[in-house]
Every structure is written in C-alpha cells, then in structure tokens.
C-alpha cells in the first residue's frame, strides 16, 4: 500500500468484482439471497482454480 488514496491499491479487488458482475450478475440476475450467495461461491471457486 502506497500513499493514502492511491488508485493502484484496490486494482485487483476492483478487477475481480468487475469481472464477477459482468460474468455472473448482469447476464443472469439472481432470484434472491441464496441464489446470489451460490453465484458468488461458484465464481470464487472458479477464480481461485483458474
């Protein structure tokens, strides 16, 4: 972590959540909390193994 407010501090987190929203949420809207939880869980498992 660099200086306060450095734009590069969160680049990997922003990239992950941006890809998640494009790949899972915007294409197939979840039908409630459990469906959203399952989509997040599936995507994290996929992201960690690729």
PDB file of N, CA and C in Angstrom:
ATOM      1  N   UNK A   1       0.831  -1.179   0.000  1.00  0.00           N
ATOM      2  CA  UNK A   1       0.000   0.000   0.000  1.00  0.00           C
ATOM      3  C   UNK A   1       0.873   1.239   0.000  1.00  0.00           C
ATOM      4  N   UNK A   2       0.541   2.126  -0.882  1.00  0.00           N
ATOM      5  CA  UNK A   2       1.295   3.360  -1.002  1.00  0.00           C
ATOM      6  C   UNK A   2       0.609   4.470  -0.219  1.00  0.00           C
ATOM      7  N   UNK A   3       0.637   5.627  -0.758  1.00  0.00           N
ATOM      8  CA  UNK A   3       0.038   6.788  -0.105  1.00  0.00           C
ATOM      9  C   UNK A   3      -1.475   6.646   0.019  1.00  0.00           C
ATOM     10  N   UNK A   4      -2.035   7.464   0.892  1.00  0.00           N
ATOM     11  CA  UNK A   4      -3.477   7.466   1.083  1.00  0.00           C
ATOM     12  C   UNK A   4      -4.180   7.846  -0.214  1.00  0.00           C
ATOM     13  N   UNK A   5      -5.142   7.030  -0.637  1.00  0.00           N
ATOM     14  CA  UNK A   5      -5.907   7.325  -1.828  1.00  0.00           C
ATOM     15  C   UNK A   5      -5.243   6.926  -3.130  1.00  0.00           C
ATOM     16  N   UNK A   6      -4.206   6.105  -3.058  1.00  0.00           N
ATOM     17  CA  UNK A   6      -3.523   5.681  -4.275  1.00  0.00           C
ATOM     18  C   UNK A   6      -4.454   4.806  -5.109  1.00  0.00           C
ATOM     19  N   UNK A   7      -4.564   5.106  -6.385  1.00  0.00           N
ATOM     20  CA  UNK A   7      -5.510   4.407  -7.255  1.00  0.00           C
ATOM     21  C   UNK A   7      -5.144   2.937  -7.467  1.00  0.00           C
ATOM     22  N   UNK A   8      -3.895   2.577  -7.299  1.00  0.00           N
ATOM     23  CA  UNK A   8      -3.468   1.207  -7.564  1.00  0.00           C
ATOM     24  C   UNK A   8      -3.654   0.260  -6.377  1.00  0.00           C
ATOM     25  N   UNK A   9      -4.064   0.758  -5.233  1.00  0.00           N
ATOM     26  CA  UNK A   9      -4.218  -0.071  -4.049  1.00  0.00           C
ATOM     27  C   UNK A   9      -5.293  -1.139  -4.224  1.00  0.00           C
ATOM     28  N   UNK A  10      -6.376  -0.803  -4.885  1.00  0.00           N
ATOM     29  CA  UNK A  10      -7.511  -1.713  -4.982  1.00  0.00           C
ATOM     30  C   UNK A  10      -7.703  -2.290  -6.381  1.00  0.00           C
ATOM     31  N   UNK A  11      -6.683  -2.242  -7.211  1.00  0.00           N
ATOM     32  CA  UNK A  11      -6.866  -2.627  -8.612  1.00  0.00           C
ATOM     33  C   UNK A  11      -7.274  -4.098  -8.747  1.00  0.00           C
ATOM     34  N   UNK A  12      -6.716  -4.982  -7.955  1.00  0.00           N
ATOM     35  CA  UNK A  12      -7.047  -6.408  -8.080  1.00  0.00           C
ATOM     36  C   UNK A  12      -8.441  -6.711  -7.551  1.00  0.00           C
ATOM     37  N   UNK A  13      -8.821  -6.061  -6.473  1.00  0.00           N
ATOM     38  CA  UNK A  13     -10.167  -6.244  -5.941  1.00  0.00           C
ATOM     39  C   UNK A  13     -11.207  -5.693  -6.900  1.00  0.00           C
ATOM     40  N   UNK A  14     -10.956  -4.528  -7.450  1.00  0.00           N
ATOM     41  CA  UNK A  14     -11.892  -3.937  -8.402  1.00  0.00           C
ATOM     42  C   UNK A  14     -12.000  -4.794  -9.663  1.00  0.00           C
ATOM     43  N   UNK A  15     -10.894  -5.343 -10.125  1.00  0.00           N
ATOM     44  CA  UNK A  15     -10.905  -6.206 -11.301  1.00  0.00           C
ATOM     45  C   UNK A  15     -11.724  -7.465 -11.035  1.00  0.00           C
ATOM     46  N   UNK A  16     -11.556  -8.070  -9.856  1.00  0.00           N
ATOM     47  CA  UNK A  16     -12.299  -9.275  -9.501  1.00  0.00           C
ATOM     48  C   UNK A  16     -13.800  -9.014  -9.489  1.00  0.00           C
ATOM     49  N   UNK A  17     -14.236  -7.973  -8.759  1.00  0.00           N
ATOM     50  CA  UNK A  17     -15.672  -7.714  -8.638  1.00  0.00           C
ATOM     51  C   UNK A  17     -16.270  -7.225  -9.950  1.00  0.00           C
ATOM     52  N   UNK A  18     -15.488  -6.495 -10.752  1.00  0.00           N
ATOM     53  CA  UNK A  18     -15.968  -6.078 -12.067  1.00  0.00           C
ATOM     54  C   UNK A  18     -16.201  -7.276 -12.971  1.00  0.00           C
ATOM     55  N   UNK A  19     -15.252  -8.212 -12.971  1.00  0.00           N
ATOM     56  CA  UNK A  19     -15.401  -9.424 -13.782  1.00  0.00           C
ATOM     57  C   UNK A  19     -16.569 -10.268 -13.272  1.00  0.00           C
ATOM     58  N   UNK A  20     -16.721 -10.351 -11.970  1.00  0.00           N
ATOM     59  CA  UNK A  20     -17.829 -11.116 -11.382  1.00  0.00           C
ATOM     60  C   UNK A  20     -19.171 -10.545 -11.829  1.00  0.00           C
ATOM     61  N   UNK A  21     -19.314  -9.235 -11.749  1.00  0.00           N
ATOM     62  CA  UNK A  21     -20.583  -8.616 -12.139  1.00  0.00           C
ATOM     63  C   UNK A  21     -20.870  -8.805 -13.622  1.00  0.00           C
ATOM     64  N   UNK A  22     -19.845  -8.649 -14.462  1.00  0.00           N
ATOM     65  CA  UNK A  22     -20.042  -8.846 -15.901  1.00  0.00           C
ATOM     66  C   UNK A  22     -20.374 -10.288 -16.240  1.00  0.00           C
ATOM     67  N   UNK A  23     -19.695 -11.245 -15.601  1.00  0.00           N
ATOM     68  CA  UNK A  23     -19.850 -12.663 -15.947  1.00  0.00           C
ATOM     69  C   UNK A  23     -21.075 -13.312 -15.316  1.00  0.00           C
ATOM     70  N   UNK A  24     -21.404 -12.957 -14.091  1.00  0.00           N
ATOM     71  CA  UNK A  24     -22.459 -13.670 -13.359  1.00  0.00           C
ATOM     72  C   UNK A  24     -23.726 -12.860 -13.118  1.00  0.00           C
ATOM     73  N   UNK A  25     -23.605 -11.628 -12.714  1.00  0.00           N
ATOM     74  CA  UNK A  25     -24.772 -10.872 -12.264  1.00  0.00           C
ATOM     75  C   UNK A  25     -25.542 -10.261 -13.429  1.00  0.00           C
ATOM     76  N   UNK A  26     -24.865  -9.547 -14.321  1.00  0.00           N
ATOM     77  CA  UNK A  26     -25.568  -8.847 -15.388  1.00  0.00           C
ATOM     78  C   UNK A  26     -26.176  -9.796 -16.408  1.00  0.00           C
ATOM     79  N   UNK A  27     -25.572 -10.954 -16.612  1.00  0.00           N
ATOM     80  CA  UNK A  27     -26.097 -11.909 -17.592  1.00  0.00           C
ATOM     81  C   UNK A  27     -27.271 -12.717 -17.047  1.00  0.00           C
ATOM     82  N   UNK A  28     -27.201 -13.102 -15.771  1.00  0.00           N
ATOM     83  CA  UNK A  28     -28.246 -13.908 -15.132  1.00  0.00           C
ATOM     84  C   UNK A  28     -28.548 -13.311 -13.766  1.00  0.00           C
ATOM     85  N   UNK A  29     -29.598 -12.524 -13.672  1.00  0.00           N
ATOM     86  CA  UNK A  29     -29.936 -11.889 -12.399  1.00  0.00           C
ATOM     87  C   UNK A  29     -30.306 -12.945 -11.362  1.00  0.00           C
ATOM     88  N   UNK A  30     -29.809 -12.800 -10.130  1.00  0.00           N
ATOM     89  CA  UNK A  30     -30.129 -13.770  -9.080  1.00  0.00           C
ATOM     90  C   UNK A  30     -31.582 -13.643  -8.635  1.00  0.00           C
ATOM     91  N   UNK A  31     -32.123 -14.756  -8.157  1.00  0.00           N
ATOM     92  CA  UNK A  31     -33.514 -14.802  -7.704  1.00  0.00           C
ATOM     93  C   UNK A  31     -33.608 -14.797  -6.185  1.00  0.00           C
ATOM     94  N   UNK A  32     -32.796 -14.017  -5.533  1.00  0.00           N
ATOM     95  CA  UNK A  32     -32.840 -13.926  -4.089  1.00  0.00           C
ATOM     96  C   UNK A  32     -31.453 -14.067  -3.489  1.00  0.00           C
ATOM     97  N   UNK A  33     -31.426 -14.026  -2.173  1.00  0.00           N
ATOM     98  CA  UNK A  33     -30.167 -14.054  -1.446  1.00  0.00           C
ATOM     99  C   UNK A  33     -29.387 -15.343  -1.583  1.00  0.00           C
ATOM    100  N   UNK A  34     -30.084 -16.474  -1.519  1.00  0.00           N
ATOM    101  CA  UNK A  34     -29.395 -17.754  -1.617  1.00  0.00           C
ATOM    102  C   UNK A  34     -28.826 -17.969  -3.014  1.00  0.00           C
ATOM    103  N   UNK A  35     -29.538 -17.542  -4.031  1.00  0.00           N
ATOM    104  CA  UNK A  35     -29.046 -17.664  -5.397  1.00  0.00           C
ATOM    105  C   UNK A  35     -27.810 -16.784  -5.588  1.00  0.00           C
ATOM    106  N   UNK A  36     -27.836 -15.579  -5.056  1.00  0.00           N
ATOM    107  CA  UNK A  36     -26.681 -14.689  -5.132  1.00  0.00           C
ATOM    108  C   UNK A  36     -25.500 -15.287  -4.381  1.00  0.00           C
ATOM    109  N   UNK A  37     -25.747 -15.832  -3.200  1.00  0.00           N
ATOM    110  CA  UNK A  37     -24.684 -16.478  -2.421  1.00  0.00           C
ATOM    111  C   UNK A  37     -24.050 -17.616  -3.207  1.00  0.00           C
ATOM    112  N   UNK A  38     -24.860 -18.426  -3.846  1.00  0.00           N
ATOM    113  CA  UNK A  38     -24.347 -19.554  -4.626  1.00  0.00           C
ATOM    114  C   UNK A  38     -23.531 -19.069  -5.817  1.00  0.00           C
ATOM    115  N   UNK A  39     -23.982 -18.007  -6.470  1.00  0.00           N
ATOM    116  CA  UNK A  39     -23.235 -17.451  -7.612  1.00  0.00           C
ATOM    117  C   UNK A  39     -21.875 -16.924  -7.162  1.00  0.00           C
ATOM    118  N   UNK A  40     -21.839 -16.230  -6.040  1.00  0.00           N
ATOM    119  CA  UNK A  40     -20.573 -15.719  -5.510  1.00  0.00           C
ATOM    120  C   UNK A  40     -19.657 -16.879  -5.160  1.00  0.00           C
ATOM    121  N   UNK A  41     -20.183 -17.876  -4.484  1.00  0.00           N
ATOM    122  CA  UNK A  41     -19.395 -19.033  -4.084  1.00  0.00           C
ATOM    123  C   UNK A  41     -18.827 -19.764  -5.297  1.00  0.00           C
ATOM    124  N   UNK A  42     -19.651 -19.999  -6.299  1.00  0.00           N
ATOM    125  CA  UNK A  42     -19.198 -20.676  -7.513  1.00  0.00           C
ATOM    126  C   UNK A  42     -18.108 -19.882  -8.222  1.00  0.00           C
ATOM    127  N   UNK A  43     -18.289 -18.573  -8.311  1.00  0.00           N
ATOM    128  CA  UNK A  43     -17.321 -17.748  -9.024  1.00  0.00           C
ATOM    129  C   UNK A  43     -15.992 -17.669  -8.271  1.00  0.00           C
ATOM    130  N   UNK A  44     -16.035 -17.594  -6.955  1.00  0.00           N
ATOM    131  CA  UNK A  44     -14.795 -17.559  -6.167  1.00  0.00           C
ATOM    132  C   UNK A  44     -14.041 -18.864  -6.343  1.00  0.00           C
ATOM    133  N   UNK A  45     -14.758 -19.992  -6.316  1.00  0.00           N
ATOM    134  CA  UNK A  45     -14.111 -21.285  -6.538  1.00  0.00           C
ATOM    135  C   UNK A  45     -13.492 -21.333  -7.924  1.00  0.00           C
ATOM    136  N   UNK A  46     -14.208 -20.874  -8.942  1.00  0.00           N
ATOM    137  CA  UNK A  46     -13.684 -20.840 -10.308  1.00  0.00           C
ATOM    138  C   UNK A  46     -12.471 -19.926 -10.406  1.00  0.00           C
ATOM    139  N   UNK A  47     -12.569 -18.738  -9.824  1.00  0.00           N
ATOM    140  CA  UNK A  47     -11.496 -17.759  -9.916  1.00  0.00           C
ATOM    141  C   UNK A  47     -10.222 -18.256  -9.230  1.00  0.00           C
ATOM    142  N   UNK A  48     -10.361 -19.007  -8.136  1.00  0.00           N
ATOM    143  CA  UNK A  48      -9.201 -19.499  -7.410  1.00  0.00           C
ATOM    144  C   UNK A  48      -8.550 -20.706  -8.066  1.00  0.00           C
ATOM    145  N   UNK A  49      -9.261 -21.388  -8.965  1.00  0.00           N
ATOM    146  CA  UNK A  49      -8.678 -22.582  -9.587  1.00  0.00           C
ATOM    147  C   UNK A  49      -8.158 -22.322 -10.990  1.00  0.00           C
ATOM    148  N   UNK A  50      -8.489 -21.198 -11.577  1.00  0.00           N
ATOM    149  CA  UNK A  50      -8.027 -20.908 -12.947  1.00  0.00           C
ATOM    150  C   UNK A  50      -6.745 -20.135 -12.921  1.00  0.00           C
TER     151      UNK A  50
END
